[in-house]
Amino acid sequence: MEQAAKKPGRPAKYSTPMTSTQRGQESRERAFQAMLRAYEDLPTASDKAILGCIERQIGLMSNPDQKQTARAIAGDLVRELIKRHRLTIG
């Protein structure tokens, strides 16, 4: 008996095809994990992860107790992007 030709597309994960909602959720989870790892190893972090970290720090600046720390961390992240892409601010 011949196998029917499969439709081209994404391979099944977890033995059943994933819905677009599940794929989106997994993508967001991977991006979040990359963002958390970026704090630990900044030179090897992706630009997307660093930008996610900056976004998170900006959100934390609204809290008066965390404002100074968040500002300092965001500054470090921005400096990394400036160094990486040889940007000039002036």
Protein backbone atom coordinates (compact mmCIF):
# COMPACT_ATOMS: atom_id res chain seq x y z
CA MET A 1 0.00 0.00 0.00
CA GLU A 2 1.39 3.40 -0.95
CA GLN A 3 1.52 6.26 1.48
CA ALA A 4 -0.43 9.33 0.51
CA ALA A 5 1.67 12.40 -0.22
CA LYS A 6 1.87 14.74 2.73
CA LYS A 7 1.06 18.39 2.42
CA PRO A 8 4.17 20.56 2.61
CA GLY A 9 4.48 22.68 5.71
CA ARG A 10 5.72 22.67 9.25
CA PRO A 11 6.54 19.27 10.72
CA ALA A 12 4.31 18.04 13.52
CA LYS A 13 5.60 18.64 17.03
CA TYR A 14 4.47 16.62 20.03
CA SER A 15 3.05 14.02 17.58
CA THR A 16 0.21 16.32 16.48
CA PRO A 17 0.24 19.41 14.28
CA MET A 18 0.50 22.67 16.22
CA THR A 19 -2.07 25.38 15.76
CA SER A 20 -0.92 28.87 14.81
CA THR A 21 -1.78 29.97 18.36
CA GLN A 22 0.53 27.32 19.80
CA ARG A 23 3.33 28.27 17.39
CA GLY A 24 2.95 31.92 18.40
CA GLN A 25 3.02 31.01 22.09
CA GLU A 26 6.20 28.96 21.63
CA SER A 27 7.81 31.79 19.69
CA ARG A 28 7.01 34.28 22.45
CA GLU A 29 8.35 31.85 25.06
CA ARG A 30 11.63 31.41 23.14
CA ALA A 31 11.97 35.20 22.82
CA PHE A 32 11.35 35.62 26.56
CA GLN A 33 13.94 32.97 27.45
CA ALA A 34 16.46 34.61 25.10
CA MET A 35 15.79 37.94 26.80
CA LEU A 36 16.46 36.42 30.24
CA ARG A 37 19.70 34.83 28.99
CA ALA A 38 20.77 38.19 27.52
CA TYR A 39 21.22 39.61 31.02
CA GLU A 40 23.69 36.81 31.82
CA ASP A 41 25.76 36.94 28.62
CA LEU A 42 25.32 40.32 26.94
CA PRO A 43 28.04 40.07 24.25
CA THR A 44 26.51 36.94 22.71
CA ALA A 45 22.86 38.01 23.05
CA SER A 46 20.86 38.78 19.91
CA ASP A 47 19.79 42.33 19.13
CA LYS A 48 16.17 41.23 19.49
CA ALA A 49 16.83 39.92 23.00
CA ILE A 50 18.63 43.14 23.99
CA LEU A 51 15.77 45.25 22.67
CA GLY A 52 13.36 43.08 24.68
CA CYS A 53 15.46 43.74 27.77
CA ILE A 54 15.41 47.48 27.12
CA GLU A 55 11.64 47.37 26.72
CA ARG A 56 11.32 45.53 30.04
CA GLN A 57 13.58 48.02 31.83
CA ILE A 58 11.61 50.97 30.48
CA GLY A 59 8.48 49.37 31.90
CA LEU A 60 10.18 48.97 35.28
CA MET A 61 11.10 52.67 35.34
CA SER A 62 7.51 53.51 36.24
CA ASN A 63 8.09 51.93 39.66
CA PRO A 64 9.86 54.49 41.90
CA ASP A 65 11.64 51.76 43.87
CA GLN A 66 13.20 50.25 40.73
CA LYS A 67 13.67 53.39 38.67
CA GLN A 68 17.39 53.97 39.27
CA THR A 69 18.37 50.32 38.82
CA ALA A 70 16.24 49.95 35.69
CA ARG A 71 17.76 53.12 34.24
CA ALA A 72 21.30 51.86 34.89
CA ILE A 73 20.58 48.46 33.32
CA ALA A 74 18.87 50.04 30.31
CA GLY A 75 21.92 52.29 29.89
CA ASP A 76 24.21 49.25 29.83
CA LEU A 77 22.00 47.59 27.23
CA VAL A 78 21.93 50.67 25.03
CA ARG A 79 25.71 51.02 25.31
CA GLU A 80 26.07 47.41 24.14
CA LEU A 81 23.96 48.13 21.05
CA ILE A 82 25.93 51.33 20.35
CA LYS A 83 29.23 49.45 20.64
CA ARG A 84 27.97 46.54 18.54
CA HIS A 85 26.72 48.67 15.67
CA ARG A 86 29.34 51.45 15.96
CA LEU A 87 26.69 54.13 16.38
CA THR A 88 27.54 57.71 17.23
CA ILE A 89 25.30 59.73 19.48
CA GLY A 90 25.76 63.41 19.29
